[in-house]
PDB file of N, CA and C in Angstrom:
ATOM      1  N   UNK A   1      60.922  59.555 153.313  1.00  0.00           N
ATOM      2  CA  UNK A   1      61.002  58.193 153.782  1.00  0.00           C
ATOM      3  C   UNK A   1      62.464  57.810 153.928  1.00  0.00           C
ATOM      4  N   UNK A   2      62.758  57.167 155.007  1.00  0.00           N
ATOM      5  CA  UNK A   2      64.094  56.631 155.233  1.00  0.00           C
ATOM      6  C   UNK A   2      64.096  55.178 154.770  1.00  0.00           C
ATOM      7  N   UNK A   3      64.783  54.905 153.653  1.00  0.00           N
ATOM      8  CA  UNK A   3      64.816  53.535 153.156  1.00  0.00           C
ATOM      9  C   UNK A   3      66.219  52.934 153.227  1.00  0.00           C
ATOM     10  N   UNK A   4      67.089  53.494 154.050  1.00  0.00           N
ATOM     11  CA  UNK A   4      68.454  52.988 154.181  1.00  0.00           C
ATOM     12  C   UNK A   4      68.420  51.522 154.611  1.00  0.00           C
ATOM     13  N   UNK A   5      69.080  50.687 153.810  1.00  0.00           N
ATOM     14  CA  UNK A   5      69.087  49.259 154.069  1.00  0.00           C
ATOM     15  C   UNK A   5      67.920  48.526 153.438  1.00  0.00           C
ATOM     16  N   UNK A   6      66.964  49.279 152.879  1.00  0.00           N
ATOM     17  CA  UNK A   6      65.771  48.669 152.275  1.00  0.00           C
ATOM     18  C   UNK A   6      65.511  49.251 150.885  1.00  0.00           C
ATOM     19  N   UNK A   7      66.554  49.718 150.203  1.00  0.00           N
ATOM     20  CA  UNK A   7      66.391  50.417 148.930  1.00  0.00           C
ATOM     21  C   UNK A   7      65.608  49.612 147.899  1.00  0.00           C
ATOM     22  N   UNK A   8      65.791  48.301 147.874  1.00  0.00           N
ATOM     23  CA  UNK A   8      65.107  47.471 146.885  1.00  0.00           C
ATOM     24  C   UNK A   8      63.627  47.283 147.195  1.00  0.00           C
ATOM     25  N   UNK A   9      63.239  47.342 148.453  1.00  0.00           N
ATOM     26  CA  UNK A   9      61.852  47.055 148.802  1.00  0.00           C
ATOM     27  C   UNK A   9      61.026  48.279 149.162  1.00  0.00           C
ATOM     28  N   UNK A  10      61.657  49.415 149.437  1.00  0.00           N
ATOM     29  CA  UNK A  10      60.918  50.644 149.764  1.00  0.00           C
ATOM     30  C   UNK A  10      61.325  51.738 148.799  1.00  0.00           C
ATOM     31  N   UNK A  11      60.397  52.129 147.952  1.00  0.00           N
ATOM     32  CA  UNK A  11      60.684  53.141 146.943  1.00  0.00           C
ATOM     33  C   UNK A  11      60.321  54.525 147.460  1.00  0.00           C
ATOM     34  N   UNK A  12      61.234  55.471 147.265  1.00  0.00           N
ATOM     35  CA  UNK A  12      60.940  56.855 147.654  1.00  0.00           C
ATOM     36  C   UNK A  12      59.873  57.426 146.740  1.00  0.00           C
ATOM     37  N   UNK A  13      59.063  58.324 147.289  1.00  0.00           N
ATOM     38  CA  UNK A  13      57.978  59.017 146.591  1.00  0.00           C
ATOM     39  C   UNK A  13      56.867  58.078 146.121  1.00  0.00           C
ATOM     40  N   UNK A  14      56.788  56.899 146.654  1.00  0.00           N
ATOM     41  CA  UNK A  14      55.734  55.956 146.308  1.00  0.00           C
ATOM     42  C   UNK A  14      54.650  56.022 147.382  1.00  0.00           C
ATOM     43  N   UNK A  15      53.414  55.861 146.978  1.00  0.00           N
ATOM     44  CA  UNK A  15      52.307  55.883 147.918  1.00  0.00           C
ATOM     45  C   UNK A  15      52.000  54.443 148.334  1.00  0.00           C
ATOM     46  N   UNK A  16      52.033  54.216 149.629  1.00  0.00           N
ATOM     47  CA  UNK A  16      51.707  52.906 150.188  1.00  0.00           C
ATOM     48  C   UNK A  16      50.389  53.008 150.940  1.00  0.00           C
ATOM     49  N   UNK A  17      49.551  52.007 150.802  1.00  0.00           N
ATOM     50  CA  UNK A  17      48.286  51.945 151.534  1.00  0.00           C
ATOM     51  C   UNK A  17      48.581  51.449 152.943  1.00  0.00           C
ATOM     52  N   UNK A  18      48.018  52.133 153.932  1.00  0.00           N
ATOM     53  CA  UNK A  18      48.187  51.691 155.319  1.00  0.00           C
ATOM     54  C   UNK A  18      46.858  51.187 155.861  1.00  0.00           C
ATOM     55  N   UNK A  19      46.941  50.252 156.769  1.00  0.00           N
ATOM     56  CA  UNK A  19      45.764  49.719 157.438  1.00  0.00           C
ATOM     57  C   UNK A  19      45.825  50.094 158.908  1.00  0.00           C
ATOM     58  N   UNK A  20      44.692  50.413 159.493  1.00  0.00           N
ATOM     59  CA  UNK A  20      44.665  50.707 160.933  1.00  0.00           C
ATOM     60  C   UNK A  20      44.928  49.421 161.694  1.00  0.00           C
ATOM     61  N   UNK A  21      45.824  49.517 162.660  1.00  0.00           N
ATOM     62  CA  UNK A  21      46.155  48.345 163.456  1.00  0.00           C
ATOM     63  C   UNK A  21      46.570  48.810 164.841  1.00  0.00           C
ATOM     64  N   UNK A  22      45.728  48.571 165.863  1.00  0.00           N
ATOM     65  CA  UNK A  22      46.033  49.043 167.214  1.00  0.00           C
ATOM     66  C   UNK A  22      47.324  48.453 167.783  1.00  0.00           C
ATOM     67  N   UNK A  23      47.635  47.216 167.443  1.00  0.00           N
ATOM     68  CA  UNK A  23      48.875  46.603 167.938  1.00  0.00           C
ATOM     69  C   UNK A  23      50.083  47.286 167.300  1.00  0.00           C
ATOM     70  N   UNK A  24      50.025  47.528 166.001  1.00  0.00           N
ATOM     71  CA  UNK A  24      51.125  48.223 165.313  1.00  0.00           C
ATOM     72  C   UNK A  24      51.297  49.629 165.890  1.00  0.00           C
ATOM     73  N   UNK A  25      50.191  50.330 166.170  1.00  0.00           N
ATOM     74  CA  UNK A  25      50.274  51.669 166.760  1.00  0.00           C
ATOM     75  C   UNK A  25      51.023  51.646 168.087  1.00  0.00           C
ATOM     76  N   UNK A  26      50.735  50.667 168.924  1.00  0.00           N
ATOM     77  CA  UNK A  26      51.410  50.569 170.219  1.00  0.00           C
ATOM     78  C   UNK A  26      52.906  50.321 170.063  1.00  0.00           C
ATOM     79  N   UNK A  27      53.291  49.692 168.959  1.00  0.00           N
ATOM     80  CA  UNK A  27      54.709  49.397 168.697  1.00  0.00           C
ATOM     81  C   UNK A  27      55.380  50.474 167.851  1.00  0.00           C
ATOM     82  N   UNK A  28      54.666  51.591 167.593  1.00  0.00           N
ATOM     83  CA  UNK A  28      55.162  52.696 166.765  1.00  0.00           C
ATOM     84  C   UNK A  28      55.483  52.230 165.347  1.00  0.00           C
ATOM     85  N   UNK A  29      54.571  51.404 164.803  1.00  0.00           N
ATOM     86  CA  UNK A  29      54.750  50.869 163.460  1.00  0.00           C
ATOM     87  C   UNK A  29      53.515  51.153 162.618  1.00  0.00           C
ATOM     88  N   UNK A  30      53.672  51.002 161.313  1.00  0.00           N
ATOM     89  CA  UNK A  30      52.559  51.095 160.371  1.00  0.00           C
ATOM     90  C   UNK A  30      52.365  49.736 159.717  1.00  0.00           C
ATOM     91  N   UNK A  31      51.127  49.418 159.446  1.00  0.00           N
ATOM     92  CA  UNK A  31      50.825  48.197 158.703  1.00  0.00           C
ATOM     93  C   UNK A  31      50.537  48.636 157.279  1.00  0.00           C
ATOM     94  N   UNK A  32      51.389  48.232 156.322  1.00  0.00           N
ATOM     95  CA  UNK A  32      51.241  48.668 154.943  1.00  0.00           C
ATOM     96  C   UNK A  32      50.994  47.480 154.027  1.00  0.00           C
ATOM     97  N   UNK A  33      50.428  47.777 152.850  1.00  0.00           N
ATOM     98  CA  UNK A  33      50.255  46.781 151.802  1.00  0.00           C
ATOM     99  C   UNK A  33      51.177  47.195 150.670  1.00  0.00           C
ATOM    100  N   UNK A  34      52.105  46.307 150.279  1.00  0.00           N
ATOM    101  CA  UNK A  34      53.034  46.649 149.203  1.00  0.00           C
ATOM    102  C   UNK A  34      52.454  46.246 147.849  1.00  0.00           C
ATOM    103  N   UNK A  35      53.225  46.475 146.778  1.00  0.00           N
ATOM    104  CA  UNK A  35      52.739  46.247 145.418  1.00  0.00           C
ATOM    105  C   UNK A  35      52.419  44.783 145.123  1.00  0.00           C
ATOM    106  N   UNK A  36      52.968  43.857 145.898  1.00  0.00           N
ATOM    107  CA  UNK A  36      52.662  42.436 145.692  1.00  0.00           C
ATOM    108  C   UNK A  36      51.498  41.995 146.586  1.00  0.00           C
ATOM    109  N   UNK A  37      50.811  42.954 147.204  1.00  0.00           N
ATOM    110  CA  UNK A  37      49.673  42.728 148.100  1.00  0.00           C
ATOM    111  C   UNK A  37      50.086  42.054 149.407  1.00  0.00           C
ATOM    112  N   UNK A  38      51.380  42.093 149.722  1.00  0.00           N
ATOM    113  CA  UNK A  38      51.878  41.540 150.980  1.00  0.00           C
ATOM    114  C   UNK A  38      51.702  42.585 152.076  1.00  0.00           C
ATOM    115  N   UNK A  39      51.240  42.160 153.235  1.00  0.00           N
ATOM    116  CA  UNK A  39      51.074  43.066 154.372  1.00  0.00           C
ATOM    117  C   UNK A  39      52.357  43.030 155.192  1.00  0.00           C
ATOM    118  N   UNK A  40      52.904  44.212 155.468  1.00  0.00           N
ATOM    119  CA  UNK A  40      54.178  44.336 156.162  1.00  0.00           C
ATOM    120  C   UNK A  40      54.056  45.370 157.272  1.00  0.00           C
ATOM    121  N   UNK A  41      54.828  45.205 158.310  1.00  0.00           N
ATOM    122  CA  UNK A  41      54.897  46.190 159.384  1.00  0.00           C
ATOM    123  C   UNK A  41      56.204  46.960 159.246  1.00  0.00           C
ATOM    124  N   UNK A  42      56.110  48.288 159.247  1.00  0.00           N
ATOM    125  CA  UNK A  42      57.256  49.168 159.067  1.00  0.00           C
ATOM    126  C   UNK A  42      57.259  50.195 160.195  1.00  0.00           C
ATOM    127  N   UNK A  43      58.450  50.572 160.661  1.00  0.00           N
ATOM    128  CA  UNK A  43      58.542  51.603 161.705  1.00  0.00           C
ATOM    129  C   UNK A  43      57.953  52.919 161.203  1.00  0.00           C
ATOM    130  N   UNK A  44      57.111  53.559 162.012  1.00  0.00           N
ATOM    131  CA  UNK A  44      56.483  54.829 161.635  1.00  0.00           C
ATOM    132  C   UNK A  44      57.477  55.916 161.250  1.00  0.00           C
ATOM    133  N   UNK A  45      58.583  56.079 162.002  1.00  0.00           N
ATOM    134  CA  UNK A  45      59.499  57.158 161.638  1.00  0.00           C
ATOM    135  C   UNK A  45      60.109  57.028 160.236  1.00  0.00           C
ATOM    136  N   UNK A  46      59.969  55.863 159.605  1.00  0.00           N
ATOM    137  CA  UNK A  46      60.512  55.671 158.254  1.00  0.00           C
ATOM    138  C   UNK A  46      59.666  56.340 157.184  1.00  0.00           C
ATOM    139  N   UNK A  47      58.421  56.708 157.499  1.00  0.00           N
ATOM    140  CA  UNK A  47      57.493  57.244 156.514  1.00  0.00           C
ATOM    141  C   UNK A  47      56.952  58.602 156.920  1.00  0.00           C
ATOM    142  N   UNK A  48      56.581  59.377 155.907  1.00  0.00           N
ATOM    143  CA  UNK A  48      55.848  60.634 156.126  1.00  0.00           C
ATOM    144  C   UNK A  48      54.411  60.378 155.688  1.00  0.00           C
ATOM    145  N   UNK A  49      53.452  60.776 156.500  1.00  0.00           N
ATOM    146  CA  UNK A  49      52.052  60.541 156.161  1.00  0.00           C
ATOM    147  C   UNK A  49      51.495  61.711 155.376  1.00  0.00           C
ATOM    148  N   UNK A  50      50.693  61.392 154.364  1.00  0.00           N
ATOM    149  CA  UNK A  50      49.993  62.402 153.568  1.00  0.00           C
ATOM    150  C   UNK A  50      48.536  62.012 153.523  1.00  0.00           C
ATOM    151  N   UNK A  51      47.669  62.844 154.099  1.00  0.00           N
ATOM    152  CA  UNK A  51      46.246  62.493 154.079  1.00  0.00           C
ATOM    153  C   UNK A  51      45.647  62.670 152.684  1.00  0.00           C
ATOM    154  N   UNK A  52      44.834  61.734 152.283  1.00  0.00           N
ATOM    155  CA  UNK A  52      44.107  61.816 151.035  1.00  0.00           C
ATOM    156  C   UNK A  52      42.628  61.705 151.347  1.00  0.00           C
ATOM    157  N   UNK A  53      41.792  62.398 150.590  1.00  0.00           N
ATOM    158  CA  UNK A  53      40.357  62.314 150.870  1.00  0.00           C
ATOM    159  C   UNK A  53      39.838  60.915 150.603  1.00  0.00           C
ATOM    160  N   UNK A  54      38.858  60.497 151.363  1.00  0.00           N
ATOM    161  CA  UNK A  54      38.219  59.197 151.142  1.00  0.00           C
ATOM    162  C   UNK A  54      37.377  59.258 149.884  1.00  0.00           C
ATOM    163  N   UNK A  55      37.330  58.155 149.200  1.00  0.00           N
ATOM    164  CA  UNK A  55      36.516  58.094 147.971  1.00  0.00           C
ATOM    165  C   UNK A  55      35.185  57.465 148.257  1.00  0.00           C
TER     166      UNK A  55
END
């Protein structure tokens, strides 16, 4: 993850929940939920995706 300029709000090696969002996809962004349950849009290239099995 590239957190340059966002060190306080984006922690390396942390797992963030993403939500599917067609508008965010068109803008090359991810819709994530942070630890305070706030929904934020982040540029996709800033994150590496890791698939996890559905529960």
